[in-house]
């Protein structure tokens, strides 16, 4: 990694960039392995079955230095680690679903536009309510796509 300092992911919502980061990360499903000092983030296929062995870990999460009165901080620290692992393990499916939904939204917008035009035709005067529903759907889709375009433009300009 070129920058070993602080890596700002505050506004990281670009799916391409997230997929790039995921592809560069340690492969396989991750686990949180309890150790005497806290936890290891580990890849199960590389974890040694020998107790006390350090094989398979790629990040240590030290919680042993938290005192009894700091239990809330320790619990939050452990919850953060579990969240990171859960997101890593779920990311491929979530990214694929998001891409499929974005494609479906585009198809739905085209369909709604076609149906609105059909229902708005003079020979469909009894279908004006359907034309209105299609118009509202188109506006909602356009608003979603506009937010996505604005986010991408903002990220591109920074």
C-alpha atoms as a PDB file:
ATOM      1  CA  UNK A   1       0.000   0.000   0.000  1.00  0.00           C
ATOM      2  CA  UNK A   2       1.521   3.289  -1.060  1.00  0.00           C
ATOM      3  CA  UNK A   3       0.180   5.333   1.830  1.00  0.00           C
ATOM      4  CA  UNK A   4       0.676   3.686   5.191  1.00  0.00           C
ATOM      5  CA  UNK A   5      -0.618   6.748   7.018  1.00  0.00           C
ATOM      6  CA  UNK A   6      -4.237   7.562   7.666  1.00  0.00           C
ATOM      7  CA  UNK A   7      -6.444   6.396   4.816  1.00  0.00           C
ATOM      8  CA  UNK A   8      -9.568   8.572   4.582  1.00  0.00           C
ATOM      9  CA  UNK A   9     -12.614   6.465   3.770  1.00  0.00           C
ATOM     10  CA  UNK A  10     -15.109   8.969   5.192  1.00  0.00           C
ATOM     11  CA  UNK A  11     -17.062   9.358   1.956  1.00  0.00           C
ATOM     12  CA  UNK A  12     -16.151   6.062   0.328  1.00  0.00           C
ATOM     13  CA  UNK A  13     -19.282   5.057  -1.590  1.00  0.00           C
ATOM     14  CA  UNK A  14     -17.783   4.478  -5.043  1.00  0.00           C
ATOM     15  CA  UNK A  15     -18.516   0.823  -5.733  1.00  0.00           C
ATOM     16  CA  UNK A  16     -15.582   0.478  -8.153  1.00  0.00           C
ATOM     17  CA  UNK A  17     -13.148   1.765  -5.521  1.00  0.00           C
ATOM     18  CA  UNK A  18     -14.648  -0.467  -2.832  1.00  0.00           C
ATOM     19  CA  UNK A  19     -14.302  -3.471  -5.139  1.00  0.00           C
ATOM     20  CA  UNK A  20     -10.678  -2.518  -5.815  1.00  0.00           C
ATOM     21  CA  UNK A  21      -9.953  -2.363  -2.085  1.00  0.00           C
ATOM     22  CA  UNK A  22     -11.734  -5.662  -1.520  1.00  0.00           C
ATOM     23  CA  UNK A  23      -9.755  -7.369  -4.307  1.00  0.00           C
ATOM     24  CA  UNK A  24      -6.497  -6.169  -2.728  1.00  0.00           C
ATOM     25  CA  UNK A  25      -7.444  -7.421   0.755  1.00  0.00           C
ATOM     26  CA  UNK A  26      -6.736 -10.837   2.232  1.00  0.00           C
ATOM     27  CA  UNK A  27      -8.796 -13.443   0.388  1.00  0.00           C
ATOM     28  CA  UNK A  28     -11.299 -15.925   1.839  1.00  0.00           C
ATOM     29  CA  UNK A  29     -13.787 -15.412   4.631  1.00  0.00           C
ATOM     30  CA  UNK A  30     -12.403 -13.743   7.737  1.00  0.00           C
ATOM     31  CA  UNK A  31     -12.892 -14.779  11.351  1.00  0.00           C
ATOM     32  CA  UNK A  32     -12.223 -13.189  14.713  1.00  0.00           C
ATOM     33  CA  UNK A  33     -10.045 -15.545  16.787  1.00  0.00           C
ATOM     34  CA  UNK A  34      -9.878 -14.954  20.563  1.00  0.00           C
ATOM     35  CA  UNK A  35      -6.332 -14.710  21.908  1.00  0.00           C
ATOM     36  CA  UNK A  36      -4.885 -13.908  25.344  1.00  0.00           C
ATOM     37  CA  UNK A  37      -4.206 -10.278  24.324  1.00  0.00           C
ATOM     38  CA  UNK A  38      -7.473  -9.718  22.468  1.00  0.00           C
ATOM     39  CA  UNK A  39      -8.256 -11.015  18.991  1.00  0.00           C
ATOM     40  CA  UNK A  40      -6.703 -11.899  15.674  1.00  0.00           C
ATOM     41  CA  UNK A  41      -8.388 -11.205  12.378  1.00  0.00           C
ATOM     42  CA  UNK A  42      -7.642 -14.459  10.616  1.00  0.00           C
ATOM     43  CA  UNK A  43      -8.284 -16.590   7.540  1.00  0.00           C
ATOM     44  CA  UNK A  44      -9.608 -19.988   8.736  1.00  0.00           C
ATOM     45  CA  UNK A  45      -7.734 -22.085   6.165  1.00  0.00           C
ATOM     46  CA  UNK A  46      -4.433 -20.737   7.481  1.00  0.00           C
ATOM     47  CA  UNK A  47      -5.179 -20.907  11.209  1.00  0.00           C
ATOM     48  CA  UNK A  48      -3.048 -23.562  12.862  1.00  0.00           C
ATOM     49  CA  UNK A  49      -4.966 -26.142  14.911  1.00  0.00           C
ATOM     50  CA  UNK A  50      -2.138 -26.007  17.471  1.00  0.00           C
ATOM     51  CA  UNK A  51      -3.227 -23.989  20.536  1.00  0.00           C
ATOM     52  CA  UNK A  52      -1.124 -20.862  20.980  1.00  0.00           C
ATOM     53  CA  UNK A  53       0.069 -20.948  17.371  1.00  0.00           C
ATOM     54  CA  UNK A  54       0.131 -17.665  15.493  1.00  0.00           C
ATOM     55  CA  UNK A  55      -0.407 -18.999  11.964  1.00  0.00           C
ATOM     56  CA  UNK A  56      -3.092 -17.449   9.796  1.00  0.00           C
ATOM     57  CA  UNK A  57      -3.549 -14.061  11.412  1.00  0.00           C
ATOM     58  CA  UNK A  58      -3.115 -10.812   9.579  1.00  0.00           C
ATOM     59  CA  UNK A  59      -4.174  -8.241  12.154  1.00  0.00           C
ATOM     60  CA  UNK A  60      -4.012  -8.191  15.927  1.00  0.00           C
ATOM     61  CA  UNK A  61      -6.646  -6.373  17.932  1.00  0.00           C
ATOM     62  CA  UNK A  62      -5.291  -5.780  21.415  1.00  0.00           C
ATOM     63  CA  UNK A  63      -7.990  -5.530  24.043  1.00  0.00           C
ATOM     64  CA  UNK A  64      -6.045  -6.941  26.998  1.00  0.00           C
ATOM     65  CA  UNK A  65      -4.940  -3.431  28.006  1.00  0.00           C
ATOM     66  CA  UNK A  66      -8.535  -2.356  28.607  1.00  0.00           C
ATOM     67  CA  UNK A  67      -9.217  -2.301  32.334  1.00  0.00           C
ATOM     68  CA  UNK A  68     -12.378  -3.515  34.055  1.00  0.00           C
ATOM     69  CA  UNK A  69     -13.737   0.047  34.166  1.00  0.00           C
ATOM     70  CA  UNK A  70     -13.222   0.294  30.398  1.00  0.00           C
ATOM     71  CA  UNK A  71     -15.536  -2.605  29.534  1.00  0.00           C
ATOM     72  CA  UNK A  72     -17.755  -0.397  27.369  1.00  0.00           C
ATOM     73  CA  UNK A  73     -14.745   0.643  25.248  1.00  0.00           C
ATOM     74  CA  UNK A  74     -13.626  -2.984  24.972  1.00  0.00           C
ATOM     75  CA  UNK A  75     -17.134  -4.075  23.920  1.00  0.00           C
ATOM     76  CA  UNK A  76     -17.274  -1.308  21.296  1.00  0.00           C
ATOM     77  CA  UNK A  77     -13.817  -2.250  20.025  1.00  0.00           C
ATOM     78  CA  UNK A  78     -14.876  -5.904  19.667  1.00  0.00           C
ATOM     79  CA  UNK A  79     -18.142  -4.895  17.983  1.00  0.00           C
ATOM     80  CA  UNK A  80     -16.178  -2.795  15.473  1.00  0.00           C
ATOM     81  CA  UNK A  81     -13.940  -5.760  14.680  1.00  0.00           C
ATOM     82  CA  UNK A  82     -16.955  -8.018  14.157  1.00  0.00           C
ATOM     83  CA  UNK A  83     -18.556  -5.401  11.906  1.00  0.00           C
ATOM     84  CA  UNK A  84     -15.406  -5.138   9.771  1.00  0.00           C
ATOM     85  CA  UNK A  85     -15.325  -8.909   9.364  1.00  0.00           C
ATOM     86  CA  UNK A  86     -19.044  -9.097   8.576  1.00  0.00           C
ATOM     87  CA  UNK A  87     -18.747  -6.374   5.928  1.00  0.00           C
ATOM     88  CA  UNK A  88     -15.692  -8.028   4.381  1.00  0.00           C
ATOM     89  CA  UNK A  89     -17.418 -11.402   4.214  1.00  0.00           C
ATOM     90  CA  UNK A  90     -20.694  -9.974   2.862  1.00  0.00           C
ATOM     91  CA  UNK A  91     -19.180  -7.465   0.428  1.00  0.00           C
ATOM     92  CA  UNK A  92     -19.080  -9.591  -2.758  1.00  0.00           C
ATOM     93  CA  UNK A  93     -22.781 -10.451  -2.492  1.00  0.00           C
ATOM     94  CA  UNK A  94     -23.758  -6.886  -1.548  1.00  0.00           C
ATOM     95  CA  UNK A  95     -21.766  -5.386  -4.434  1.00  0.00           C
ATOM     96  CA  UNK A  96     -23.286  -7.826  -6.939  1.00  0.00           C
ATOM     97  CA  UNK A  97     -26.786  -7.068  -5.639  1.00  0.00           C
ATOM     98  CA  UNK A  98     -26.218  -3.308  -5.803  1.00  0.00           C
ATOM     99  CA  UNK A  99     -24.957  -3.514  -9.393  1.00  0.00           C
ATOM    100  CA  UNK A 100     -27.956  -5.685 -10.373  1.00  0.00           C
ATOM    101  CA  UNK A 101     -30.378  -3.276  -8.671  1.00  0.00           C
ATOM    102  CA  UNK A 102     -28.833  -0.286 -10.427  1.00  0.00           C
ATOM    103  CA  UNK A 103     -29.279  -2.073 -13.753  1.00  0.00           C
ATOM    104  CA  UNK A 104     -32.870  -2.986 -12.868  1.00  0.00           C
ATOM    105  CA  UNK A 105     -33.649   0.614 -11.906  1.00  0.00           C
ATOM    106  CA  UNK A 106     -32.477   1.733 -15.346  1.00  0.00           C
ATOM    107  CA  UNK A 107     -34.674  -0.881 -17.027  1.00  0.00           C
ATOM    108  CA  UNK A 108     -37.665   0.075 -14.868  1.00  0.00           C
ATOM    109  CA  UNK A 109     -37.231   3.723 -15.771  1.00  0.00           C
ATOM    110  CA  UNK A 110     -37.343   2.897 -19.481  1.00  0.00           C
ATOM    111  CA  UNK A 111     -40.404   0.702 -18.992  1.00  0.00           C
ATOM    112  CA  UNK A 112     -42.173   3.347 -16.905  1.00  0.00           C
ATOM    113  CA  UNK A 113     -41.434   5.988 -19.552  1.00  0.00           C
ATOM    114  CA  UNK A 114     -42.932   3.783 -22.261  1.00  0.00           C
ATOM    115  CA  UNK A 115     -46.017   2.969 -20.179  1.00  0.00           C
ATOM    116  CA  UNK A 116     -46.521   6.635 -19.262  1.00  0.00           C
ATOM    117  CA  UNK A 117     -46.543   7.556 -22.942  1.00  0.00           C
ATOM    118  CA  UNK A 118     -49.007   4.774 -23.741  1.00  0.00           C
ATOM    119  CA  UNK A 119     -51.340   5.631 -20.866  1.00  0.00           C
ATOM    120  CA  UNK A 120     -51.198   9.356 -21.655  1.00  0.00           C
ATOM    121  CA  UNK A 121     -52.399   8.761 -25.247  1.00  0.00           C
ATOM    122  CA  UNK A 122     -55.888  10.087 -26.117  1.00  0.00           C
ATOM    123  CA  UNK A 123     -57.346   6.576 -26.570  1.00  0.00           C
ATOM    124  CA  UNK A 124     -56.386   5.702 -22.977  1.00  0.00           C
ATOM    125  CA  UNK A 125     -58.256   8.491 -21.191  1.00  0.00           C
ATOM    126  CA  UNK A 126     -59.416   6.005 -18.568  1.00  0.00           C
ATOM    127  CA  UNK A 127     -55.750   5.242 -17.733  1.00  0.00           C
ATOM    128  CA  UNK A 128     -54.607   8.723 -16.666  1.00  0.00           C
ATOM    129  CA  UNK A 129     -54.126   7.449 -13.110  1.00  0.00           C
ATOM    130  CA  UNK A 130     -51.701   4.837 -14.463  1.00  0.00           C
ATOM    131  CA  UNK A 131     -49.896   7.532 -16.445  1.00  0.00           C
ATOM    132  CA  UNK A 132     -49.597   9.560 -13.226  1.00  0.00           C
ATOM    133  CA  UNK A 133     -48.226   6.555 -11.338  1.00  0.00           C
ATOM    134  CA  UNK A 134     -45.655   6.041 -14.084  1.00  0.00           C
ATOM    135  CA  UNK A 135     -44.716   9.720 -13.939  1.00  0.00           C
ATOM    136  CA  UNK A 136     -44.213   9.528 -10.159  1.00  0.00           C
ATOM    137  CA  UNK A 137     -42.075   6.391 -10.594  1.00  0.00           C
ATOM    138  CA  UNK A 138     -39.950   8.117 -13.217  1.00  0.00           C
ATOM    139  CA  UNK A 139     -39.415  11.100 -10.908  1.00  0.00           C
ATOM    140  CA  UNK A 140     -38.352   8.825  -8.028  1.00  0.00           C
ATOM    141  CA  UNK A 141     -35.924   6.922 -10.260  1.00  0.00           C
ATOM    142  CA  UNK A 142     -34.535  10.172 -11.673  1.00  0.00           C
ATOM    143  CA  UNK A 143     -34.057  11.519  -8.134  1.00  0.00           C
ATOM    144  CA  UNK A 144     -32.157   8.368  -7.087  1.00  0.00           C
ATOM    145  CA  UNK A 145     -29.982   8.482 -10.180  1.00  0.00           C
ATOM    146  CA  UNK A 146     -29.389  12.217  -9.693  1.00  0.00           C
ATOM    147  CA  UNK A 147     -28.139  11.638  -6.145  1.00  0.00           C
ATOM    148  CA  UNK A 148     -25.794   8.927  -7.445  1.00  0.00           C
ATOM    149  CA  UNK A 149     -24.486  11.177 -10.244  1.00  0.00           C
ATOM    150  CA  UNK A 150     -23.932  14.067  -7.797  1.00  0.00           C
ATOM    151  CA  UNK A 151     -22.038  11.774  -5.432  1.00  0.00           C
ATOM    152  CA  UNK A 152     -19.853  10.477  -8.259  1.00  0.00           C
ATOM    153  CA  UNK A 153     -19.168  14.024  -9.515  1.00  0.00           C
ATOM    154  CA  UNK A 154     -18.246  15.158  -6.011  1.00  0.00           C
ATOM    155  CA  UNK A 155     -15.861  12.211  -5.565  1.00  0.00           C
ATOM    156  CA  UNK A 156     -14.322  12.850  -8.990  1.00  0.00           C
ATOM    157  CA  UNK A 157     -13.673  16.499  -8.167  1.00  0.00           C
ATOM    158  CA  UNK A 158     -11.880  15.757  -4.872  1.00  0.00           C
END
